[in-house]
Amino acid sequence: MAAALDSVKAILRRLSYLILARDYERLSTIVEGLFESEHSFNQSKKRLISGNGLGEPVISAYDSSLGKRAIEAAISTLKANGSFKEVLEETEAKILTETTAQLNNYLIITN
């Protein structure tokens, strides 16, 4: 169970970053076949933004070797111990830091 928990947490961290920092077309070039359509991508992005995270279907699409039950159990554990929220908060902070740095670089170049 611990291995599945660590794997799901790592997948959540990676996918959260990719989904929140990218648009559908750019993400599709990094991870092919993760979403059936731009609509399903946008739905997952909305879930992340609202703090609901990613569900088993998205994590299974990324790595089906873990199994549905192991993924669901890991998600439940991560939500119960606060790690799920922590990963999302870390991801948002990372994106904010990167965006701020890009903006600062742009301002330096244009001034």
PDB file of N, CA and C in Angstrom:
ATOM      1  N   MET A   1       0.825  -1.208   0.000  1.00  0.00           N
ATOM      2  CA  MET A   1       0.000   0.000   0.000  1.00  0.00           C
ATOM      3  C   MET A   1       0.856   1.253   0.000  1.00  0.00           C
ATOM      4  N   ALA A   2       1.979   1.220   0.738  1.00  0.00           N
ATOM      5  CA  ALA A   2       2.841   2.401   0.823  1.00  0.00           C
ATOM      6  C   ALA A   2       3.414   2.763  -0.536  1.00  0.00           C
ATOM      7  N   ALA A   3       3.755   1.752  -1.328  1.00  0.00           N
ATOM      8  CA  ALA A   3       4.301   2.025  -2.660  1.00  0.00           C
ATOM      9  C   ALA A   3       3.254   2.686  -3.551  1.00  0.00           C
ATOM     10  N   ALA A   4       2.030   2.197  -3.487  1.00  0.00           N
ATOM     11  CA  ALA A   4       0.946   2.799  -4.279  1.00  0.00           C
ATOM     12  C   ALA A   4       0.669   4.215  -3.800  1.00  0.00           C
ATOM     13  N   LEU A   5       0.710   4.430  -2.501  1.00  0.00           N
ATOM     14  CA  LEU A   5       0.472   5.759  -1.940  1.00  0.00           C
ATOM     15  C   LEU A   5       1.521   6.749  -2.439  1.00  0.00           C
ATOM     16  N   ASP A   6       2.785   6.341  -2.382  1.00  0.00           N
ATOM     17  CA  ASP A   6       3.863   7.204  -2.873  1.00  0.00           C
ATOM     18  C   ASP A   6       3.735   7.459  -4.371  1.00  0.00           C
ATOM     19  N   SER A   7       3.376   6.430  -5.117  1.00  0.00           N
ATOM     20  CA  SER A   7       3.226   6.578  -6.569  1.00  0.00           C
ATOM     21  C   SER A   7       2.088   7.528  -6.913  1.00  0.00           C
ATOM     22  N   VAL A   8       0.955   7.357  -6.259  1.00  0.00           N
ATOM     23  CA  VAL A   8      -0.200   8.220  -6.523  1.00  0.00           C
ATOM     24  C   VAL A   8       0.120   9.662  -6.143  1.00  0.00           C
ATOM     25  N   LYS A   9       0.819   9.850  -5.039  1.00  0.00           N
ATOM     26  CA  LYS A   9       1.190  11.200  -4.626  1.00  0.00           C
ATOM     27  C   LYS A   9       2.120  11.842  -5.659  1.00  0.00           C
ATOM     28  N   ALA A  10       3.077  11.091  -6.164  1.00  0.00           N
ATOM     29  CA  ALA A  10       3.996  11.605  -7.187  1.00  0.00           C
ATOM     30  C   ALA A  10       3.248  11.910  -8.487  1.00  0.00           C
ATOM     31  N   ILE A  11       2.330  11.047  -8.867  1.00  0.00           N
ATOM     32  CA  ILE A  11       1.533  11.273 -10.079  1.00  0.00           C
ATOM     33  C   ILE A  11       0.655  12.501  -9.896  1.00  0.00           C
ATOM     34  N   LEU A  12       0.039  12.625  -8.740  1.00  0.00           N
ATOM     35  CA  LEU A  12      -0.791  13.793  -8.450  1.00  0.00           C
ATOM     36  C   LEU A  12       0.031  15.069  -8.571  1.00  0.00           C
ATOM     37  N   ARG A  13       1.238  15.049  -8.023  1.00  0.00           N
ATOM     38  CA  ARG A  13       2.113  16.221  -8.082  1.00  0.00           C
ATOM     39  C   ARG A  13       2.446  16.573  -9.542  1.00  0.00           C
ATOM     40  N   ARG A  14       2.831  15.585 -10.316  1.00  0.00           N
ATOM     41  CA  ARG A  14       3.217  15.834 -11.719  1.00  0.00           C
ATOM     42  C   ARG A  14       2.031  16.288 -12.549  1.00  0.00           C
ATOM     43  N   LEU A  15       0.920  15.573 -12.459  1.00  0.00           N
ATOM     44  CA  LEU A  15      -0.238  15.914 -13.286  1.00  0.00           C
ATOM     45  C   LEU A  15      -0.852  17.250 -12.877  1.00  0.00           C
ATOM     46  N   SER A  16      -0.885  17.531 -11.591  1.00  0.00           N
ATOM     47  CA  SER A  16      -1.421  18.820 -11.137  1.00  0.00           C
ATOM     48  C   SER A  16      -0.628  19.953 -11.757  1.00  0.00           C
ATOM     49  N   TYR A  17       0.684  19.825 -11.724  1.00  0.00           N
ATOM     50  CA  TYR A  17       1.531  20.865 -12.305  1.00  0.00           C
ATOM     51  C   TYR A  17       1.275  20.985 -13.815  1.00  0.00           C
ATOM     52  N   LEU A  18       1.288  19.869 -14.496  1.00  0.00           N
ATOM     53  CA  LEU A  18       1.116  19.902 -15.958  1.00  0.00           C
ATOM     54  C   LEU A  18      -0.250  20.452 -16.358  1.00  0.00           C
ATOM     55  N   ILE A  19      -1.275  20.079 -15.629  1.00  0.00           N
ATOM     56  CA  ILE A  19      -2.631  20.527 -15.972  1.00  0.00           C
ATOM     57  C   ILE A  19      -2.809  22.009 -15.665  1.00  0.00           C
ATOM     58  N   LEU A  20      -2.323  22.447 -14.517  1.00  0.00           N
ATOM     59  CA  LEU A  20      -2.520  23.849 -14.139  1.00  0.00           C
ATOM     60  C   LEU A  20      -1.589  24.798 -14.895  1.00  0.00           C
ATOM     61  N   ALA A  21      -0.427  24.328 -15.291  1.00  0.00           N
ATOM     62  CA  ALA A  21       0.551  25.206 -15.939  1.00  0.00           C
ATOM     63  C   ALA A  21       0.471  25.176 -17.463  1.00  0.00           C
ATOM     64  N   ARG A  22      -0.319  24.308 -18.015  1.00  0.00           N
ATOM     65  CA  ARG A  22      -0.343  24.143 -19.468  1.00  0.00           C
ATOM     66  C   ARG A  22      -1.781  24.205 -19.987  1.00  0.00           C
ATOM     67  N   ASP A  23      -1.880  24.403 -21.283  1.00  0.00           N
ATOM     68  CA  ASP A  23      -3.184  24.270 -21.918  1.00  0.00           C
ATOM     69  C   ASP A  23      -3.272  22.861 -22.514  1.00  0.00           C
ATOM     70  N   TYR A  24      -4.433  22.528 -23.032  1.00  0.00           N
ATOM     71  CA  TYR A  24      -4.692  21.167 -23.527  1.00  0.00           C
ATOM     72  C   TYR A  24      -3.701  20.744 -24.611  1.00  0.00           C
ATOM     73  N   GLU A  25      -3.477  21.607 -25.572  1.00  0.00           N
ATOM     74  CA  GLU A  25      -2.604  21.248 -26.693  1.00  0.00           C
ATOM     75  C   GLU A  25      -1.162  21.041 -26.242  1.00  0.00           C
ATOM     76  N   ARG A  26      -0.688  21.905 -25.370  1.00  0.00           N
ATOM     77  CA  ARG A  26       0.690  21.754 -24.878  1.00  0.00           C
ATOM     78  C   ARG A  26       0.826  20.509 -24.006  1.00  0.00           C
ATOM     79  N   LEU A  27      -0.180  20.226 -23.196  1.00  0.00           N
ATOM     80  CA  LEU A  27      -0.130  19.034 -22.360  1.00  0.00           C
ATOM     81  C   LEU A  27      -0.162  17.772 -23.215  1.00  0.00           C
ATOM     82  N   SER A  28      -0.945  17.797 -24.282  1.00  0.00           N
ATOM     83  CA  SER A  28      -1.065  16.627 -25.154  1.00  0.00           C
ATOM     84  C   SER A  28       0.261  16.252 -25.804  1.00  0.00           C
ATOM     85  N   THR A  29       1.141  17.228 -25.992  1.00  0.00           N
ATOM     86  CA  THR A  29       2.459  16.915 -26.562  1.00  0.00           C
ATOM     87  C   THR A  29       3.386  16.309 -25.518  1.00  0.00           C
ATOM     88  N   ILE A  30       3.081  16.518 -24.235  1.00  0.00           N
ATOM     89  CA  ILE A  30       3.907  15.973 -23.156  1.00  0.00           C
ATOM     90  C   ILE A  30       3.415  14.594 -22.728  1.00  0.00           C
ATOM     91  N   VAL A  31       2.101  14.472 -22.549  1.00  0.00           N
ATOM     92  CA  VAL A  31       1.485  13.216 -22.111  1.00  0.00           C
ATOM     93  C   VAL A  31       0.357  12.887 -23.076  1.00  0.00           C
ATOM     94  N   GLU A  32       0.637  12.034 -24.036  1.00  0.00           N
ATOM     95  CA  GLU A  32      -0.376  11.699 -25.041  1.00  0.00           C
ATOM     96  C   GLU A  32      -1.467  10.810 -24.467  1.00  0.00           C
ATOM     97  N   GLY A  33      -2.696  11.064 -24.889  1.00  0.00           N
ATOM     98  CA  GLY A  33      -3.817  10.202 -24.558  1.00  0.00           C
ATOM     99  C   GLY A  33      -4.333  10.290 -23.133  1.00  0.00           C
ATOM    100  N   LEU A  34      -3.870  11.251 -22.371  1.00  0.00           N
ATOM    101  CA  LEU A  34      -4.316  11.360 -20.983  1.00  0.00           C
ATOM    102  C   LEU A  34      -5.776  11.784 -20.910  1.00  0.00           C
ATOM    103  N   PHE A  35      -6.173  12.669 -21.807  1.00  0.00           N
ATOM    104  CA  PHE A  35      -7.558  13.142 -21.841  1.00  0.00           C
ATOM    105  C   PHE A  35      -8.164  12.838 -23.201  1.00  0.00           C
ATOM    106  N   GLU A  36      -9.443  12.464 -23.177  1.00  0.00           N
ATOM    107  CA  GLU A  36     -10.148  12.143 -24.412  1.00  0.00           C
ATOM    108  C   GLU A  36     -10.402  13.378 -25.262  1.00  0.00           C
ATOM    109  N   SER A  37     -10.542  14.511 -24.590  1.00  0.00           N
ATOM    110  CA  SER A  37     -10.894  15.737 -25.311  1.00  0.00           C
ATOM    111  C   SER A  37     -10.448  16.952 -24.501  1.00  0.00           C
ATOM    112  N   GLU A  38     -10.537  18.095 -25.134  1.00  0.00           N
ATOM    113  CA  GLU A  38     -10.232  19.337 -24.429  1.00  0.00           C
ATOM    114  C   GLU A  38     -11.237  19.566 -23.303  1.00  0.00           C
ATOM    115  N   HIS A  39     -12.480  19.124 -23.524  1.00  0.00           N
ATOM    116  CA  HIS A  39     -13.508  19.259 -22.489  1.00  0.00           C
ATOM    117  C   HIS A  39     -13.115  18.472 -21.230  1.00  0.00           C
ATOM    118  N   SER A  40     -12.666  17.237 -21.387  1.00  0.00           N
ATOM    119  CA  SER A  40     -12.294  16.440 -20.211  1.00  0.00           C
ATOM    120  C   SER A  40     -11.071  17.040 -19.520  1.00  0.00           C
ATOM    121  N   PHE A  41     -10.149  17.610 -20.293  1.00  0.00           N
ATOM    122  CA  PHE A  41      -9.009  18.324 -19.717  1.00  0.00           C
ATOM    123  C   PHE A  41      -9.496  19.505 -18.874  1.00  0.00           C
ATOM    124  N   ASN A  42     -10.403  20.309 -19.445  1.00  0.00           N
ATOM    125  CA  ASN A  42     -10.927  21.477 -18.730  1.00  0.00           C
ATOM    126  C   ASN A  42     -11.672  21.087 -17.465  1.00  0.00           C
ATOM    127  N   GLN A  43     -12.396  19.963 -17.508  1.00  0.00           N
ATOM    128  CA  GLN A  43     -13.096  19.481 -16.315  1.00  0.00           C
ATOM    129  C   GLN A  43     -12.099  19.140 -15.201  1.00  0.00           C
ATOM    130  N   SER A  44     -11.013  18.480 -15.577  1.00  0.00           N
ATOM    131  CA  SER A  44      -9.993  18.132 -14.587  1.00  0.00           C
ATOM    132  C   SER A  44      -9.317  19.384 -14.043  1.00  0.00           C
ATOM    133  N   LYS A  45      -9.098  20.346 -14.900  1.00  0.00           N
ATOM    134  CA  LYS A  45      -8.485  21.607 -14.459  1.00  0.00           C
ATOM    135  C   LYS A  45      -9.411  22.313 -13.463  1.00  0.00           C
ATOM    136  N   LYS A  46     -10.719  22.313 -13.742  1.00  0.00           N
ATOM    137  CA  LYS A  46     -11.683  22.927 -12.824  1.00  0.00           C
ATOM    138  C   LYS A  46     -11.682  22.208 -11.479  1.00  0.00           C
ATOM    139  N   ARG A  47     -11.593  20.872 -11.506  1.00  0.00           N
ATOM    140  CA  ARG A  47     -11.547  20.098 -10.255  1.00  0.00           C
ATOM    141  C   ARG A  47     -10.325  20.489  -9.435  1.00  0.00           C
ATOM    142  N   LEU A  48      -9.198  20.651 -10.104  1.00  0.00           N
ATOM    143  CA  LEU A  48      -7.976  21.047  -9.399  1.00  0.00           C
ATOM    144  C   LEU A  48      -8.103  22.439  -8.798  1.00  0.00           C
ATOM    145  N   ILE A  49      -8.595  23.370  -9.589  1.00  0.00           N
ATOM    146  CA  ILE A  49      -8.730  24.756  -9.136  1.00  0.00           C
ATOM    147  C   ILE A  49      -9.683  24.848  -7.949  1.00  0.00           C
ATOM    148  N   SER A  50     -10.719  24.038  -7.961  1.00  0.00           N
ATOM    149  CA  SER A  50     -11.685  24.071  -6.860  1.00  0.00           C
ATOM    150  C   SER A  50     -11.204  23.292  -5.628  1.00  0.00           C
ATOM    151  N   GLY A  51     -10.034  22.653  -5.741  1.00  0.00           N
ATOM    152  CA  GLY A  51      -9.466  21.929  -4.604  1.00  0.00           C
ATOM    153  C   GLY A  51      -9.870  20.476  -4.511  1.00  0.00           C
ATOM    154  N   ASN A  52     -10.553  19.966  -5.533  1.00  0.00           N
ATOM    155  CA  ASN A  52     -11.001  18.573  -5.502  1.00  0.00           C
ATOM    156  C   ASN A  52      -9.961  17.580  -6.007  1.00  0.00           C
ATOM    157  N   GLY A  53      -8.885  18.073  -6.589  1.00  0.00           N
ATOM    158  CA  GLY A  53      -7.828  17.183  -7.053  1.00  0.00           C
ATOM    159  C   GLY A  53      -8.200  16.414  -8.294  1.00  0.00           C
ATOM    160  N   LEU A  54      -7.508  15.320  -8.491  1.00  0.00           N
ATOM    161  CA  LEU A  54      -7.742  14.452  -9.648  1.00  0.00           C
ATOM    162  C   LEU A  54      -8.326  13.137  -9.165  1.00  0.00           C
ATOM    163  N   GLY A  55      -9.156  12.556  -9.977  1.00  0.00           N
ATOM    164  CA  GLY A  55      -9.774  11.289  -9.616  1.00  0.00           C
ATOM    165  C   GLY A  55      -9.023  10.095 -10.159  1.00  0.00           C
ATOM    166  N   GLU A  56      -9.504   8.945  -9.812  1.00  0.00           N
ATOM    167  CA  GLU A  56      -8.898   7.681 -10.232  1.00  0.00           C
ATOM    168  C   GLU A  56      -8.794   7.546 -11.747  1.00  0.00           C
ATOM    169  N   PRO A  57      -9.819   7.952 -12.533  1.00  0.00           N
ATOM    170  CA  PRO A  57      -9.703   7.759 -13.978  1.00  0.00           C
ATOM    171  C   PRO A  57      -8.500   8.481 -14.604  1.00  0.00           C
ATOM    172  N   VAL A  58      -8.221   9.695 -14.155  1.00  0.00           N
ATOM    173  CA  VAL A  58      -7.087  10.443 -14.711  1.00  0.00           C
ATOM    174  C   VAL A  58      -5.770   9.809 -14.271  1.00  0.00           C
ATOM    175  N   ILE A  59      -5.685   9.430 -13.014  1.00  0.00           N
ATOM    176  CA  ILE A  59      -4.452   8.804 -12.519  1.00  0.00           C
ATOM    177  C   ILE A  59      -4.250   7.445 -13.186  1.00  0.00           C
ATOM    178  N   SER A  60      -5.315   6.685 -13.384  1.00  0.00           N
ATOM    179  CA  SER A  60      -5.218   5.396 -14.086  1.00  0.00           C
ATOM    180  C   SER A  60      -4.793   5.575 -15.536  1.00  0.00           C
ATOM    181  N   ALA A  61      -5.291   6.637 -16.181  1.00  0.00           N
ATOM    182  CA  ALA A  61      -4.906   6.894 -17.570  1.00  0.00           C
ATOM    183  C   ALA A  61      -3.417   7.200 -17.669  1.00  0.00           C
ATOM    184  N   TYR A  62      -2.881   7.801 -16.627  1.00  0.00           N
ATOM    185  CA  TYR A  62      -1.450   8.124 -16.600  1.00  0.00           C
ATOM    186  C   TYR A  62      -0.614   6.891 -16.285  1.00  0.00           C
ATOM    187  N   ASP A  63      -1.074   6.077 -15.328  1.00  0.00           N
ATOM    188  CA  ASP A  63      -0.350   4.864 -14.936  1.00  0.00           C
ATOM    189  C   ASP A  63      -1.348   3.795 -14.523  1.00  0.00           C
ATOM    190  N   SER A  64      -1.662   2.918 -15.446  1.00  0.00           N
ATOM    191  CA  SER A  64      -2.672   1.881 -15.193  1.00  0.00           C
ATOM    192  C   SER A  64      -2.110   0.699 -14.409  1.00  0.00           C
ATOM    193  N   SER A  65      -0.820   0.667 -14.168  1.00  0.00           N
ATOM    194  CA  SER A  65      -0.220  -0.485 -13.481  1.00  0.00           C
ATOM    195  C   SER A  65      -0.581  -0.558 -11.998  1.00  0.00           C
ATOM    196  N   LEU A  66      -1.056   0.537 -11.439  1.00  0.00           N
ATOM    197  CA  LEU A  66      -1.360   0.545 -10.005  1.00  0.00           C
ATOM    198  C   LEU A  66      -2.673  -0.143  -9.653  1.00  0.00           C
ATOM    199  N   GLY A  67      -3.609  -0.143 -10.560  1.00  0.00           N
ATOM    200  CA  GLY A  67      -4.901  -0.759 -10.295  1.00  0.00           C
ATOM    201  C   GLY A  67      -5.880   0.222  -9.679  1.00  0.00           C
ATOM    202  N   LYS A  68      -7.130   0.085 -10.078  1.00  0.00           N
ATOM    203  CA  LYS A  68      -8.178   1.016  -9.661  1.00  0.00           C
ATOM    204  C   LYS A  68      -8.327   1.075  -8.141  1.00  0.00           C
ATOM    205  N   ARG A  69      -8.397  -0.073  -7.488  1.00  0.00           N
ATOM    206  CA  ARG A  69      -8.614  -0.092  -6.036  1.00  0.00           C
ATOM    207  C   ARG A  69      -7.448   0.528  -5.274  1.00  0.00           C
ATOM    208  N   ALA A  70      -6.228   0.251  -5.712  1.00  0.00           N
ATOM    209  CA  ALA A  70      -5.056   0.821  -5.037  1.00  0.00           C
ATOM    210  C   ALA A  70      -5.039   2.333  -5.190  1.00  0.00           C
ATOM    211  N   ILE A  71      -5.407   2.825  -6.377  1.00  0.00           N
ATOM    212  CA  ILE A  71      -5.446   4.267  -6.618  1.00  0.00           C
ATOM    213  C   ILE A  71      -6.521   4.912  -5.756  1.00  0.00           C
ATOM    214  N   GLU A  72      -7.709   4.313  -5.735  1.00  0.00           N
ATOM    215  CA  GLU A  72      -8.800   4.869  -4.919  1.00  0.00           C
ATOM    216  C   GLU A  72      -8.434   4.887  -3.435  1.00  0.00           C
ATOM    217  N   ALA A  73      -7.808   3.818  -2.959  1.00  0.00           N
ATOM    218  CA  ALA A  73      -7.397   3.755  -1.551  1.00  0.00           C
ATOM    219  C   ALA A  73      -6.334   4.817  -1.257  1.00  0.00           C
ATOM    220  N   ALA A  74      -5.402   4.985  -2.173  1.00  0.00           N
ATOM    221  CA  ALA A  74      -4.348   5.985  -1.984  1.00  0.00           C
ATOM    222  C   ALA A  74      -4.937   7.394  -1.976  1.00  0.00           C
ATOM    223  N   ILE A  75      -5.865   7.676  -2.873  1.00  0.00           N
ATOM    224  CA  ILE A  75      -6.513   8.993  -2.912  1.00  0.00           C
ATOM    225  C   ILE A  75      -7.237   9.255  -1.588  1.00  0.00           C
ATOM    226  N   SER A  76      -7.968   8.267  -1.102  1.00  0.00           N
ATOM    227  CA  SER A  76      -8.684   8.421   0.175  1.00  0.00           C
ATOM    228  C   SER A  76      -7.714   8.713   1.316  1.00  0.00           C
ATOM    229  N   THR A  77      -6.605   7.994   1.347  1.00  0.00           N
ATOM    230  CA  THR A  77      -5.606   8.206   2.396  1.00  0.00           C
ATOM    231  C   THR A  77      -4.978   9.589   2.280  1.00  0.00           C
ATOM    232  N   LEU A  78      -4.635   9.989   1.067  1.00  0.00           N
ATOM    233  CA  LEU A  78      -4.022  11.306   0.853  1.00  0.00           C
ATOM    234  C   LEU A  78      -4.975  12.438   1.240  1.00  0.00           C
ATOM    235  N   LYS A  79      -6.247  12.248   0.960  1.00  0.00           N
ATOM    236  CA  LYS A  79      -7.225  13.268   1.360  1.00  0.00           C
ATOM    237  C   LYS A  79      -7.387  13.286   2.877  1.00  0.00           C
ATOM    238  N   ALA A  80      -7.434  12.113   3.492  1.00  0.00           N
ATOM    239  CA  ALA A  80      -7.644  12.023   4.939  1.00  0.00           C
ATOM    240  C   ALA A  80      -6.476  12.609   5.733  1.00  0.00           C
ATOM    241  N   ASN A  81      -5.250  12.413   5.255  1.00  0.00           N
ATOM    242  CA  ASN A  81      -4.098  12.903   6.024  1.00  0.00           C
ATOM    243  C   ASN A  81      -3.631  14.299   5.598  1.00  0.00           C
ATOM    244  N   GLY A  82      -4.352  14.909   4.665  1.00  0.00           N
ATOM    245  CA  GLY A  82      -4.037  16.277   4.257  1.00  0.00           C
ATOM    246  C   GLY A  82      -3.002  16.402   3.171  1.00  0.00           C
ATOM    247  N   SER A  83      -2.427  15.291   2.750  1.00  0.00           N
ATOM    248  CA  SER A  83      -1.381  15.336   1.722  1.00  0.00           C
ATOM    249  C   SER A  83      -1.914  15.774   0.365  1.00  0.00           C
ATOM    250  N   PHE A  84      -3.150  15.424   0.079  1.00  0.00           N
ATOM    251  CA  PHE A  84      -3.771  15.780  -1.207  1.00  0.00           C
ATOM    252  C   PHE A  84      -3.802  17.300  -1.341  1.00  0.00           C
ATOM    253  N   LYS A  85      -4.303  17.956  -0.306  1.00  0.00           N
ATOM    254  CA  LYS A  85      -4.381  19.415  -0.301  1.00  0.00           C
ATOM    255  C   LYS A  85      -2.980  20.031  -0.330  1.00  0.00           C
ATOM    256  N   GLU A  86      -2.074  19.432   0.398  1.00  0.00           N
ATOM    257  CA  GLU A  86      -0.692  19.923   0.452  1.00  0.00           C
ATOM    258  C   GLU A  86      -0.036  19.902  -0.936  1.00  0.00           C
ATOM    259  N   VAL A  87      -0.239  18.827  -1.670  1.00  0.00           N
ATOM    260  CA  VAL A  87       0.324  18.726  -3.023  1.00  0.00           C
ATOM    261  C   VAL A  87      -0.248  19.823  -3.911  1.00  0.00           C
ATOM    262  N   LEU A  88      -1.546  20.053  -3.829  1.00  0.00           N
ATOM    263  CA  LEU A  88      -2.167  21.091  -4.652  1.00  0.00           C
ATOM    264  C   LEU A  88      -1.652  22.477  -4.272  1.00  0.00           C
ATOM    265  N   GLU A  89      -1.491  22.730  -2.984  1.00  0.00           N
ATOM    266  CA  GLU A  89      -0.967  24.019  -2.541  1.00  0.00           C
ATOM    267  C   GLU A  89       0.482  24.213  -2.992  1.00  0.00           C
ATOM    268  N   GLU A  90       1.299  23.166  -2.919  1.00  0.00           N
ATOM    269  CA  GLU A  90       2.689  23.237  -3.384  1.00  0.00           C
ATOM    270  C   GLU A  90       2.735  23.508  -4.885  1.00  0.00           C
ATOM    271  N   THR A  91       1.856  22.864  -5.615  1.00  0.00           N
ATOM    272  CA  THR A  91       1.805  23.049  -7.063  1.00  0.00           C
ATOM    273  C   THR A  91       1.435  24.481  -7.408  1.00  0.00           C
ATOM    274  N   GLU A  92       0.421  25.005  -6.755  1.00  0.00           N
ATOM    275  CA  GLU A  92       0.009  26.388  -7.004  1.00  0.00           C
ATOM    276  C   GLU A  92       1.134  27.359  -6.671  1.00  0.00           C
ATOM    277  N   ALA A  93       1.843  27.121  -5.581  1.00  0.00           N
ATOM    278  CA  ALA A  93       2.957  27.992  -5.188  1.00  0.00           C
ATOM    279  C   ALA A  93       4.088  27.926  -6.206  1.00  0.00           C
ATOM    280  N   LYS A  94       4.367  26.741  -6.707  1.00  0.00           N
ATOM    281  CA  LYS A  94       5.425  26.573  -7.714  1.00  0.00           C
ATOM    282  C   LYS A  94       5.075  27.334  -8.987  1.00  0.00           C
ATOM    283  N   ILE A  95       3.848  27.210  -9.425  1.00  0.00           N
ATOM    284  CA  ILE A  95       3.411  27.904 -10.642  1.00  0.00           C
ATOM    285  C   ILE A  95       3.458  29.410 -10.438  1.00  0.00           C
ATOM    286  N   LEU A  96       3.034  29.885  -9.279  1.00  0.00           N
ATOM    287  CA  LEU A  96       3.075  31.313  -8.981  1.00  0.00           C
ATOM    288  C   LEU A  96       4.517  31.828  -8.999  1.00  0.00           C
ATOM    289  N   THR A  97       5.425  31.090  -8.386  1.00  0.00           N
ATOM    290  CA  THR A  97       6.833  31.472  -8.372  1.00  0.00           C
ATOM    291  C   THR A  97       7.395  31.537  -9.783  1.00  0.00           C
ATOM    292  N   GLU A  98       7.097  30.521 -10.601  1.00  0.00           N
ATOM    293  CA  GLU A  98       7.596  30.497 -11.977  1.00  0.00           C
ATOM    294  C   GLU A  98       7.017  31.642 -12.794  1.00  0.00           C
ATOM    295  N   THR A  99       5.736  31.893 -12.621  1.00  0.00           N
ATOM    296  CA  THR A  99       5.077  32.967 -13.371  1.00  0.00           C
ATOM    297  C   THR A  99       5.637  34.329 -12.970  1.00  0.00           C
ATOM    298  N   THR A 100       5.866  34.508 -11.683  1.00  0.00           N
ATOM    299  CA  THR A 100       6.442  35.758 -11.200  1.00  0.00           C
ATOM    300  C   THR A 100       7.845  35.958 -11.767  1.00  0.00           C
ATOM    301  N   ALA A 101       8.642  34.902 -11.790  1.00  0.00           N
ATOM    302  CA  ALA A 101       9.994  34.988 -12.339  1.00  0.00           C
ATOM    303  C   ALA A 101       9.959  35.324 -13.828  1.00  0.00           C
ATOM    304  N   GLN A 102       9.045  34.703 -14.559  1.00  0.00           N
ATOM    305  CA  GLN A 102       8.910  34.997 -15.991  1.00  0.00           C
ATOM    306  C   GLN A 102       8.508  36.446 -16.209  1.00  0.00           C
ATOM    307  N   LEU A 103       7.584  36.931 -15.411  1.00  0.00           N
ATOM    308  CA  LEU A 103       7.152  38.320 -15.525  1.00  0.00           C
ATOM    309  C   LEU A 103       8.299  39.269 -15.198  1.00  0.00           C
ATOM    310  N   ASN A 104       9.050  38.975 -14.145  1.00  0.00           N
ATOM    311  CA  ASN A 104      10.196  39.809 -13.799  1.00  0.00           C
ATOM    312  C   ASN A 104      11.234  39.826 -14.914  1.00  0.00           C
ATOM    313  N   ASN A 105      11.492  38.675 -15.509  1.00  0.00           N
ATOM    314  CA  ASN A 105      12.435  38.612 -16.630  1.00  0.00           C
ATOM    315  C   ASN A 105      11.936  39.436 -17.806  1.00  0.00           C
ATOM    316  N   TYR A 106      10.659  39.362 -18.067  1.00  0.00           N
ATOM    317  CA  TYR A 106      10.068  40.136 -19.161  1.00  0.00           C
ATOM    318  C   TYR A 106      10.233  41.635 -18.882  1.00  0.00           C
ATOM    319  N   LEU A 107       9.964  42.043 -17.655  1.00  0.00           N
ATOM    320  CA  LEU A 107      10.072  43.447 -17.290  1.00  0.00           C
ATOM    321  C   LEU A 107      11.516  43.948 -17.392  1.00  0.00           C
ATOM    322  N   ILE A 108      12.464  43.105 -17.021  1.00  0.00           N
ATOM    323  CA  ILE A 108      13.871  43.477 -17.128  1.00  0.00           C
ATOM    324  C   ILE A 108      14.258  43.640 -18.599  1.00  0.00           C
ATOM    325  N   ILE A 109      13.811  42.741 -19.435  1.00  0.00           N
ATOM    326  CA  ILE A 109      14.146  42.777 -20.858  1.00  0.00           C
ATOM    327  C   ILE A 109      13.523  43.998 -21.529  1.00  0.00           C
ATOM    328  N   THR A 110      12.292  44.329 -21.172  1.00  0.00           N
ATOM    329  CA  THR A 110      11.598  45.418 -21.850  1.00  0.00           C
ATOM    330  C   THR A 110      11.970  46.798 -21.307  1.00  0.00           C
ATOM    331  N   ASN A 111      12.645  46.859 -20.199  1.00  0.00           N
ATOM    332  CA  ASN A 111      13.033  48.166 -19.627  1.00  0.00           C
ATOM    333  C   ASN A 111      14.423  48.545 -19.975  1.00  0.00           C
TER     334      ASN A 111
END
